C-alpha atoms as a PDB file:
ATOM      1  CA  MET A   1       0.000   0.000   0.000  1.00  0.00           C
ATOM      2  CA  ALA A   2       1.439   3.354  -1.064  1.00  0.00           C
ATOM      3  CA  ALA A   3       2.241   5.862   1.639  1.00  0.00           C
ATOM      4  CA  ALA A   4      -0.143   8.778   1.933  1.00  0.00           C
ATOM      5  CA  PRO A   5       1.230  12.008   0.419  1.00  0.00           C
ATOM      6  CA  VAL A   6       2.579  14.530   2.909  1.00  0.00           C
ATOM      7  CA  HIS A   7       1.020  17.978   2.530  1.00  0.00           C
ATOM      8  CA  LYS A   8       3.640  20.652   1.816  1.00  0.00           C
ATOM      9  CA  ARG A   9       2.649  22.607   4.928  1.00  0.00           C
ATOM     10  CA  ALA A  10       3.109  19.551   7.102  1.00  0.00           C
ATOM     11  CA  ARG A  11       6.394  18.736   5.365  1.00  0.00           C
ATOM     12  CA  HIS A  12       7.639  22.280   5.933  1.00  0.00           C
ATOM     13  CA  ALA A  13       6.709  22.055   9.605  1.00  0.00           C
ATOM     14  CA  LEU A  14       8.470  18.700   9.954  1.00  0.00           C
ATOM     15  CA  MET A  15      11.640  19.928   8.248  1.00  0.00           C
ATOM     16  CA  THR A  16      11.924  23.372   9.859  1.00  0.00           C
ATOM     17  CA  GLY A  17       9.963  23.053  13.050  1.00  0.00           C
ATOM     18  CA  GLN A  18       7.953  26.105  11.974  1.00  0.00           C
ATOM     19  CA  PRO A  19       4.474  26.176  10.408  1.00  0.00           C
ATOM     20  CA  ILE A  20       3.964  27.903   7.058  1.00  0.00           C
ATOM     21  CA  LEU A  21       0.880  29.742   8.304  1.00  0.00           C
ATOM     22  CA  ILE A  22       0.994  32.010  11.347  1.00  0.00           C
ATOM     23  CA  GLY A  23      -1.434  34.400  13.027  1.00  0.00           C
ATOM     24  CA  ALA A  24      -2.078  37.615  11.094  1.00  0.00           C
ATOM     25  CA  GLY A  25      -2.402  39.839  14.168  1.00  0.00           C
ATOM     26  CA  ASP A  26       1.125  41.290  14.160  1.00  0.00           C
ATOM     27  CA  ALA A  27       0.980  42.041  10.434  1.00  0.00           C
ATOM     28  CA  ARG A  28      -2.448  43.631  10.807  1.00  0.00           C
ATOM     29  CA  ASP A  29      -1.252  45.834  13.690  1.00  0.00           C
ATOM     30  CA  HIS A  30       1.779  46.887  11.646  1.00  0.00           C
ATOM     31  CA  LEU A  31      -0.429  47.851   8.704  1.00  0.00           C
ATOM     32  CA  VAL A  32      -2.483  50.024  11.048  1.00  0.00           C
ATOM     33  CA  SER A  33       0.662  51.767  12.303  1.00  0.00           C
ATOM     34  CA  LEU A  34       1.967  52.314   8.762  1.00  0.00           C
ATOM     35  CA  SER A  35      -1.360  53.796   7.724  1.00  0.00           C
ATOM     36  CA  ALA A  36      -1.387  56.055  10.791  1.00  0.00           C
ATOM     37  CA  ALA A  37       2.095  57.252   9.777  1.00  0.00           C
ATOM     38  CA  GLY A  38       0.667  58.403   6.436  1.00  0.00           C
ATOM     39  CA  MET A  39       1.737  55.553   4.167  1.00  0.00           C
ATOM     40  CA  SER A  40      -0.596  54.652   1.322  1.00  0.00           C
ATOM     41  CA  ARG A  41      -1.567  51.047   0.653  1.00  0.00           C
ATOM     42  CA  SER A  42       0.036  51.313  -2.780  1.00  0.00           C
ATOM     43  CA  GLU A  43       3.330  52.383  -1.213  1.00  0.00           C
ATOM     44  CA  ILE A  44       3.172  49.501   1.271  1.00  0.00           C
ATOM     45  CA  GLU A  45       2.497  47.158  -1.656  1.00  0.00           C
ATOM     46  CA  ARG A  46       5.482  48.567  -3.549  1.00  0.00           C
ATOM     47  CA  ARG A  47       7.833  48.177  -0.605  1.00  0.00           C
ATOM     48  CA  SER A  48       6.608  44.810   0.684  1.00  0.00           C
ATOM     49  CA  GLY A  49       5.812  43.030  -2.581  1.00  0.00           C
ATOM     50  CA  VAL A  50       2.456  41.925  -1.105  1.00  0.00           C
ATOM     51  CA  ASN A  51      -0.463  42.697  -3.418  1.00  0.00           C
ATOM     52  CA  ARG A  52      -2.985  45.287  -2.262  1.00  0.00           C
ATOM     53  CA  VAL A  53      -5.913  42.855  -2.152  1.00  0.00           C
ATOM     54  CA  THR A  54      -4.057  40.722   0.382  1.00  0.00           C
ATOM     55  CA  LEU A  55      -3.090  43.854   2.325  1.00  0.00           C
ATOM     56  CA  LEU A  56      -6.724  44.948   2.356  1.00  0.00           C
ATOM     57  CA  ARG A  57      -7.942  41.568   3.579  1.00  0.00           C
ATOM     58  CA  ILE A  58      -5.318  41.443   6.322  1.00  0.00           C
ATOM     59  CA  GLY A  59      -6.105  45.003   7.389  1.00  0.00           C
ATOM     60  CA  ARG A  60      -9.848  44.279   7.555  1.00  0.00           C
ATOM     61  CA  GLY A  61      -9.293  41.154   9.602  1.00  0.00           C
ATOM     62  CA  ASP A  62     -10.619  38.808   6.897  1.00  0.00           C
ATOM     63  CA  LEU A  63      -7.574  36.563   7.275  1.00  0.00           C
ATOM     64  CA  GLY A  64      -6.821  35.029  10.624  1.00  0.00           C
ATOM     65  CA  ARG A  65      -3.664  33.259   9.430  1.00  0.00           C
ATOM     66  CA  ILE A  66      -1.231  34.185   6.688  1.00  0.00           C
ATOM     67  CA  ASN A  67       1.933  32.830   5.121  1.00  0.00           C
ATOM     68  CA  ARG A  68       5.004  33.385   7.269  1.00  0.00           C
ATOM     69  CA  ARG A  69       6.814  35.039   4.364  1.00  0.00           C
ATOM     70  CA  THR A  70       3.919  37.425   3.784  1.00  0.00           C
ATOM     71  CA  ALA A  71       3.974  38.440   7.429  1.00  0.00           C
ATOM     72  CA  ALA A  72       7.746  38.966   7.324  1.00  0.00           C
ATOM     73  CA  ALA A  73       7.450  41.125   4.193  1.00  0.00           C
ATOM     74  CA  ILE A  74       4.836  43.364   5.823  1.00  0.00           C
ATOM     75  CA  LEU A  75       6.665  43.623   9.132  1.00  0.00           C
ATOM     76  CA  GLY A  76       9.831  44.571   7.248  1.00  0.00           C
ATOM     77  CA  VAL A  77       8.276  47.776   5.903  1.00  0.00           C
ATOM     78  CA  GLU A  78       9.368  50.863   7.823  1.00  0.00           C
ATOM     79  CA  PRO A  79       7.330  54.092   7.898  1.00  0.00           C
ATOM     80  CA  VAL A  80       8.641  56.651   5.419  1.00  0.00           C
ATOM     81  CA  PRO A  81       7.959  60.383   5.104  1.00  0.00           C
ATOM     82  CA  ILE A  82       5.409  61.553   2.568  1.00  0.00           C
ATOM     83  CA  ALA A  83       8.225  63.081   0.511  1.00  0.00           C
ATOM     84  CA  ASP A  84       9.787  59.618   0.000  1.00  0.00           C
ATOM     85  CA  GLN A  85       6.608  57.892  -1.158  1.00  0.00           C
ATOM     86  CA  GLU A  86       6.229  57.144  -4.854  1.00  0.00           C
ATOM     87  CA  ALA A  87       2.828  55.481  -5.072  1.00  0.00           C
ATOM     88  CA  GLY A  88      -0.731  55.849  -3.859  1.00  0.00           C
ATOM     89  CA  TRP A  89      -2.727  58.573  -2.145  1.00  0.00           C
ATOM     90  CA  VAL A  90      -0.916  60.763   0.392  1.00  0.00           C
ATOM     91  CA  ASP A  91      -1.771  63.593   2.778  1.00  0.00           C
ATOM     92  CA  GLY A  92      -2.250  66.861   0.888  1.00  0.00           C
ATOM     93  CA  THR A  93      -1.000  69.264   3.568  1.00  0.00           C
ATOM     94  CA  GLY A  94       2.387  70.005   2.020  1.00  0.00           C
ATOM     95  CA  THR A  95       0.944  70.279  -1.476  1.00  0.00           C
ATOM     96  CA  ARG A  96      -1.690  72.728  -0.236  1.00  0.00           C
ATOM     97  CA  ARG A  97       0.887  74.869   1.606  1.00  0.00           C
ATOM     98  CA  ARG A  98       3.175  75.003  -1.433  1.00  0.00           C
ATOM     99  CA  LEU A  99       0.421  75.993  -3.860  1.00  0.00           C
ATOM    100  CA  ARG A 100      -0.892  78.641  -1.466  1.00  0.00           C
ATOM    101  CA  ALA A 101       2.609  80.078  -1.008  1.00  0.00           C
ATOM    102  CA  LEU A 102       2.961  80.365  -4.776  1.00  0.00           C
ATOM    103  CA  ALA A 103      -0.427  82.100  -4.927  1.00  0.00           C
ATOM    104  CA  VAL A 104       0.823  84.612  -2.338  1.00  0.00           C
ATOM    105  CA  LEU A 105       3.587  85.470  -4.817  1.00  0.00           C
ATOM    106  CA  GLY A 106       0.962  85.984  -7.506  1.00  0.00           C
ATOM    107  CA  TRP A 107       1.014  82.668  -9.352  1.00  0.00           C
ATOM    108  CA  PRO A 108      -2.584  82.090 -10.541  1.00  0.00           C
ATOM    109  CA  ALA A 109      -4.086  78.611 -10.781  1.00  0.00           C
ATOM    110  CA  SER A 110      -4.100  78.894 -14.574  1.00  0.00           C
ATOM    111  CA  ARG A 111      -0.307  79.311 -14.812  1.00  0.00           C
ATOM    112  CA  LEU A 112       0.355  76.627 -12.196  1.00  0.00           C
ATOM    113  CA  ALA A 113      -1.954  74.221 -14.020  1.00  0.00           C
ATOM    114  CA  GLN A 114      -0.180  74.918 -17.294  1.00  0.00           C
ATOM    115  CA  ARG A 115       3.234  74.239 -15.780  1.00  0.00           C
ATOM    116  CA  LEU A 116       2.022  71.042 -14.112  1.00  0.00           C
ATOM    117  CA  GLY A 117       0.101  69.830 -17.146  1.00  0.00           C
ATOM    118  CA  THR A 118      -3.171  69.560 -15.271  1.00  0.00           C
ATOM    119  CA  SER A 119      -6.472  71.428 -14.854  1.00  0.00           C
ATOM    120  CA  GLN A 120      -7.179  74.657 -13.008  1.00  0.00           C
ATOM    121  CA  SER A 121      -9.981  72.921 -11.132  1.00  0.00           C
ATOM    122  CA  LEU A 122      -7.515  70.390  -9.691  1.00  0.00           C
ATOM    123  CA  ILE A 123      -5.125  73.148  -8.614  1.00  0.00           C
ATOM    124  CA  ARG A 124      -7.930  75.058  -6.919  1.00  0.00           C
ATOM    125  CA  ARG A 125      -9.167  71.895  -5.206  1.00  0.00           C
ATOM    126  CA  LEU A 126      -5.679  71.084  -3.915  1.00  0.00           C
ATOM    127  CA  MET A 127      -5.453  74.593  -2.451  1.00  0.00           C
ATOM    128  CA  GLU A 128      -8.496  73.967  -0.282  1.00  0.00           C
ATOM    129  CA  ASP A 129      -8.472  72.236   3.108  1.00  0.00           C
ATOM    130  CA  GLY A 130      -9.032  68.516   3.462  1.00  0.00           C
ATOM    131  CA  HIS A 131      -7.875  67.205   0.083  1.00  0.00           C
ATOM    132  CA  GLY A 132      -5.286  64.491  -0.415  1.00  0.00           C
ATOM    133  CA  CYS A 133      -3.402  63.875  -3.635  1.00  0.00           C
ATOM    134  CA  SER A 134      -1.400  61.223  -5.396  1.00  0.00           C
ATOM    135  CA  ALA A 135       2.253  60.807  -4.491  1.00  0.00           C
ATOM    136  CA  THR A 136       3.090  61.691  -8.097  1.00  0.00           C
ATOM    137  CA  THR A 137       1.180  64.991  -7.902  1.00  0.00           C
ATOM    138  CA  ARG A 138       2.805  65.822  -4.561  1.00  0.00           C
ATOM    139  CA  ALA A 139       6.265  65.293  -6.070  1.00  0.00           C
ATOM    140  CA  ARG A 140       5.488  67.400  -9.144  1.00  0.00           C
ATOM    141  CA  VAL A 141       4.113  70.265  -7.042  1.00  0.00           C
ATOM    142  CA  ALA A 142       7.158  70.068  -4.752  1.00  0.00           C
ATOM    143  CA  ASP A 143       9.496  70.326  -7.771  1.00  0.00           C
ATOM    144  CA  LEU A 144       7.578  73.314  -9.124  1.00  0.00           C
ATOM    145  CA  TYR A 145       7.617  74.967  -5.704  1.00  0.00           C
ATOM    146  CA  ASP A 146      11.386  74.514  -5.470  1.00  0.00           C
ATOM    147  CA  GLU A 147      11.644  76.293  -8.812  1.00  0.00           C
ATOM    148  CA  LEU A 148       9.247  79.175  -8.145  1.00  0.00           C
ATOM    149  CA  TRP A 149       9.133  79.818  -4.394  1.00  0.00           C
ATOM    150  CA  ASP A 150      11.208  83.032  -4.731  1.00  0.00           C
ATOM    151  CA  ALA A 151      10.235  83.968  -8.299  1.00  0.00           C
ATOM    152  CA  ALA A 152       7.281  86.283  -8.856  1.00  0.00           C
ATOM    153  CA  PRO A 153       5.293  85.897 -12.102  1.00  0.00           C
ATOM    154  CA  PRO A 154       4.738  88.755 -14.570  1.00  0.00           C
ATOM    155  CA  ASP A 155       2.685  91.484 -12.936  1.00  0.00           C
ATOM    156  CA  ASP A 156      -0.601  91.310 -14.810  1.00  0.00           C
ATOM    157  CA  LYS A 157      -4.295  91.145 -13.942  1.00  0.00           C
ATOM    158  CA  SER A 158      -4.265  87.405 -13.202  1.00  0.00           C
ATOM    159  CA  SER A 159      -1.273  87.645 -10.856  1.00  0.00           C
ATOM    160  CA  ARG A 160      -2.784  90.619  -9.023  1.00  0.00           C
ATOM    161  CA  LEU A 161      -6.054  88.713  -8.588  1.00  0.00           C
ATOM    162  CA  ALA A 162      -4.139  85.685  -7.280  1.00  0.00           C
ATOM    163  CA  ARG A 163      -2.287  87.810  -4.709  1.00  0.00           C
ATOM    164  CA  ARG A 164      -5.493  89.551  -3.634  1.00  0.00           C
ATOM    165  CA  ARG A 165      -7.317  86.242  -3.233  1.00  0.00           C
ATOM    166  CA  ALA A 166      -4.433  84.764  -1.213  1.00  0.00           C
ATOM    167  CA  GLN A 167      -4.329  87.830   1.037  1.00  0.00           C
ATOM    168  CA  GLN A 168      -8.093  87.735   1.628  1.00  0.00           C
ATOM    169  CA  ARG A 169      -7.888  84.093   2.643  1.00  0.00           C
ATOM    170  CA  GLY A 170      -4.898  84.583   4.922  1.00  0.00           C
ATOM    171  CA  TRP A 171      -2.649  82.206   3.023  1.00  0.00           C
ATOM    172  CA  LEU A 172       0.990  82.060   4.096  1.00  0.00           C
ATOM    173  CA  PRO A 173       4.172  82.777   2.110  1.00  0.00           C
ATOM    174  CA  ALA A 174       7.045  80.370   1.603  1.00  0.00           C
ATOM    175  CA  ALA A 175       8.937  82.058   4.449  1.00  0.00           C
ATOM    176  CA  ALA A 176       6.425  80.600   6.899  1.00  0.00           C
ATOM    177  CA  TRP A 177       7.631  77.028   6.337  1.00  0.00           C
ATOM    178  CA  ASP A 178      10.928  75.209   6.602  1.00  0.00           C
ATOM    179  CA  ASP A 179      11.445  72.463   4.041  1.00  0.00           C
ATOM    180  CA  ASP A 180      11.570  69.764   6.709  1.00  0.00           C
ATOM    181  CA  GLU A 181       8.219  70.869   8.186  1.00  0.00           C
ATOM    182  CA  ILE A 182       6.047  71.865   5.250  1.00  0.00           C
ATOM    183  CA  ASP A 183       4.618  68.341   4.780  1.00  0.00           C
ATOM    184  CA  ASP A 184       3.938  67.834   8.492  1.00  0.00           C
ATOM    185  CA  PRO A 185       0.258  68.481   9.331  1.00  0.00           C
ATOM    186  CA  ALA A 186       1.235  69.214  12.951  1.00  0.00           C
ATOM    187  CA  ALA A 187       3.859  71.838  12.062  1.00  0.00           C
ATOM    188  CA  GLN A 188       3.108  75.447  12.931  1.00  0.00           C
ATOM    189  CA  PRO A 189       4.062  78.314  10.613  1.00  0.00           C
ATOM    190  CA  HIS A 190       6.924  80.649  11.441  1.00  0.00           C
ATOM    191  CA  ASN A 191       6.664  84.396  11.555  1.00  0.00           C
ATOM    192  CA  PRO A 192       9.252  85.584   9.020  1.00  0.00           C
ATOM    193  CA  ALA A 193       9.647  88.819  10.965  1.00  0.00           C
ATOM    194  CA  GLY A 194       9.843  87.033  14.307  1.00  0.00           C
ATOM    195  CA  PRO A 195      12.233  84.518  15.869  1.00  0.00           C
ATOM    196  CA  ARG A 196      14.364  82.220  13.749  1.00  0.00           C
ATOM    197  CA  SER A 197      12.993  78.866  12.721  1.00  0.00           C
ATOM    198  CA  ALA A 198      13.819  75.684  14.596  1.00  0.00           C
ATOM    199  CA  LEU A 199      15.936  74.521  11.660  1.00  0.00           C
ATOM    200  CA  LEU A 200      17.972  77.713  11.689  1.00  0.00           C
ATOM    201  CA  GLU A 201      18.411  77.527  15.465  1.00  0.00           C
ATOM    202  CA  ASN A 202      19.788  73.984  15.159  1.00  0.00           C
ATOM    203  CA  VAL A 203      22.068  74.961  12.278  1.00  0.00           C
ATOM    204  CA  VAL A 204      23.558  77.837  14.257  1.00  0.00           C
ATOM    205  CA  TRP A 205      23.996  75.665  17.335  1.00  0.00           C
ATOM    206  CA  LEU A 206      25.836  72.932  15.403  1.00  0.00           C
ATOM    207  CA  ALA A 207      27.953  75.475  13.530  1.00  0.00           C
ATOM    208  CA  ASP A 208      28.979  77.040  16.846  1.00  0.00           C
ATOM    209  CA  LEU A 209      30.121  73.573  17.941  1.00  0.00           C
ATOM    210  CA  GLY A 210      32.396  73.466  14.898  1.00  0.00           C
ATOM    211  CA  ASP A 211      30.322  71.186  12.687  1.00  0.00           C
ATOM    212  CA  THR A 212      30.603  71.533   8.902  1.00  0.00           C
ATOM    213  CA  LEU A 213      27.811  71.921   6.354  1.00  0.00           C
ATOM    214  CA  PRO A 214      27.904  68.215   5.317  1.00  0.00           C
ATOM    215  CA  GLY A 215      27.907  67.164   8.972  1.00  0.00           C
ATOM    216  CA  ILE A 216      24.989  69.449   9.843  1.00  0.00           C
ATOM    217  CA  CYS A 217      22.982  68.120   6.893  1.00  0.00           C
ATOM    218  CA  LEU A 218      23.664  64.558   8.038  1.00  0.00           C
ATOM    219  CA  ARG A 219      22.728  65.239  11.654  1.00  0.00           C
ATOM    220  CA  LEU A 220      19.532  67.132  10.833  1.00  0.00           C
ATOM    221  CA  GLY A 221      18.503  64.960   7.894  1.00  0.00           C
ATOM    222  CA  VAL A 222      18.173  67.883   5.472  1.00  0.00           C
ATOM    223  CA  LYS A 223      19.736  68.932   2.177  1.00  0.00           C
ATOM    224  CA  PRO A 224      22.067  71.926   1.824  1.00  0.00           C
ATOM    225  CA  GLU A 225      19.366  73.643  -0.247  1.00  0.00           C
ATOM    226  CA  SER A 226      17.011  73.538   2.749  1.00  0.00           C
ATOM    227  CA  ILE A 227      19.567  75.294   4.938  1.00  0.00           C
ATOM    228  CA  TRP A 228      20.265  77.885   2.267  1.00  0.00           C
ATOM    229  CA  ARG A 229      16.540  78.612   1.889  1.00  0.00           C
ATOM    230  CA  ALA A 230      16.091  78.912   5.658  1.00  0.00           C
ATOM    231  CA  THR A 231      18.905  81.476   5.899  1.00  0.00           C
ATOM    232  CA  TYR A 232      17.543  83.384   2.906  1.00  0.00           C
ATOM    233  CA  ARG A 233      13.940  83.448   4.105  1.00  0.00           C
ATOM    234  CA  HIS A 234      14.842  84.633   7.585  1.00  0.00           C
ATOM    235  CA  GLY A 235      17.327  87.281   6.482  1.00  0.00           C
ATOM    236  CA  ARG A 236      20.454  85.518   7.789  1.00  0.00           C
ATOM    237  CA  PRO A 237      22.683  85.090   4.699  1.00  0.00           C
ATOM    238  CA  GLU A 238      25.797  85.413   6.857  1.00  0.00           C
ATOM    239  CA  ILE A 239      25.075  81.967   8.299  1.00  0.00           C
ATOM    240  CA  TRP A 240      25.189  80.387   4.856  1.00  0.00           C
ATOM    241  CA  ASP A 241      28.330  82.359   3.991  1.00  0.00           C
ATOM    242  CA  ARG A 242      29.946  81.078   7.169  1.00  0.00           C
ATOM    243  CA  LEU A 243      29.097  77.466   6.389  1.00  0.00           C
ATOM    244  CA  THR A 244      30.305  77.624   2.806  1.00  0.00           C
ATOM    245  CA  ALA A 245      33.424  79.755   3.353  1.00  0.00           C
ATOM    246  CA  GLU A 246      35.674  76.727   3.833  1.00  0.00           C
ATOM    247  CA  SER A 247      34.576  75.040   0.624  1.00  0.00           C
ATOM    248  CA  ARG A 248      35.035  78.270  -1.337  1.00  0.00           C
ATOM    249  CA  VAL A 249      38.596  78.631  -0.021  1.00  0.00           C
ATOM    250  CA  ALA A 250      39.346  75.003  -0.953  1.00  0.00           C
END
């Protein structure tokens, strides 16, 4: 009489001492924490390699047990900032702040839409409270903001209307936000005429300790451009000159 076939799950358990299927609770809890950190399901799918339907079913509690490798892939995903996400729907706070800051300069929705290759209605919607956007749109708006944040458009009727509308609504200029805070919904705006920003305070403190520009960027997790913009916006160009003097001499 032929021996009964051994199921692959049983064989795996016999060979490794570990079952293929394990409880889904840890993976489900991790998905909740990733979502709370602002990660889209599409971004989690991209980073874990687990398809979104499976992620949805785990998150809803439809699956009580899942493959050990699936659980490991999900648990291996670390939360990432909105700026580092490349897929899915993300919080629209930073996009809204950037578009409003450009409007303060006089950039009308029509010109912004033309540069972004999208519709005026989308630009206007993204300027309003409570709207998310795709990670792709966020990245494109961020690139445009980096290009235009200190460049006023031609002074015509549309730009004057944009500035007037922004002023009436109390929208804030680029100087109100540091680059490392603009995407954070909990961040509070700075008063450009008031005290220095937290970023600038930390830069000055580290520079006084003898740290260099590359070292400060590494410690604070920012790019040199962010430090340059912070010094420019808050009227402290001498700080940037101090940090870059050594490289200019070299």
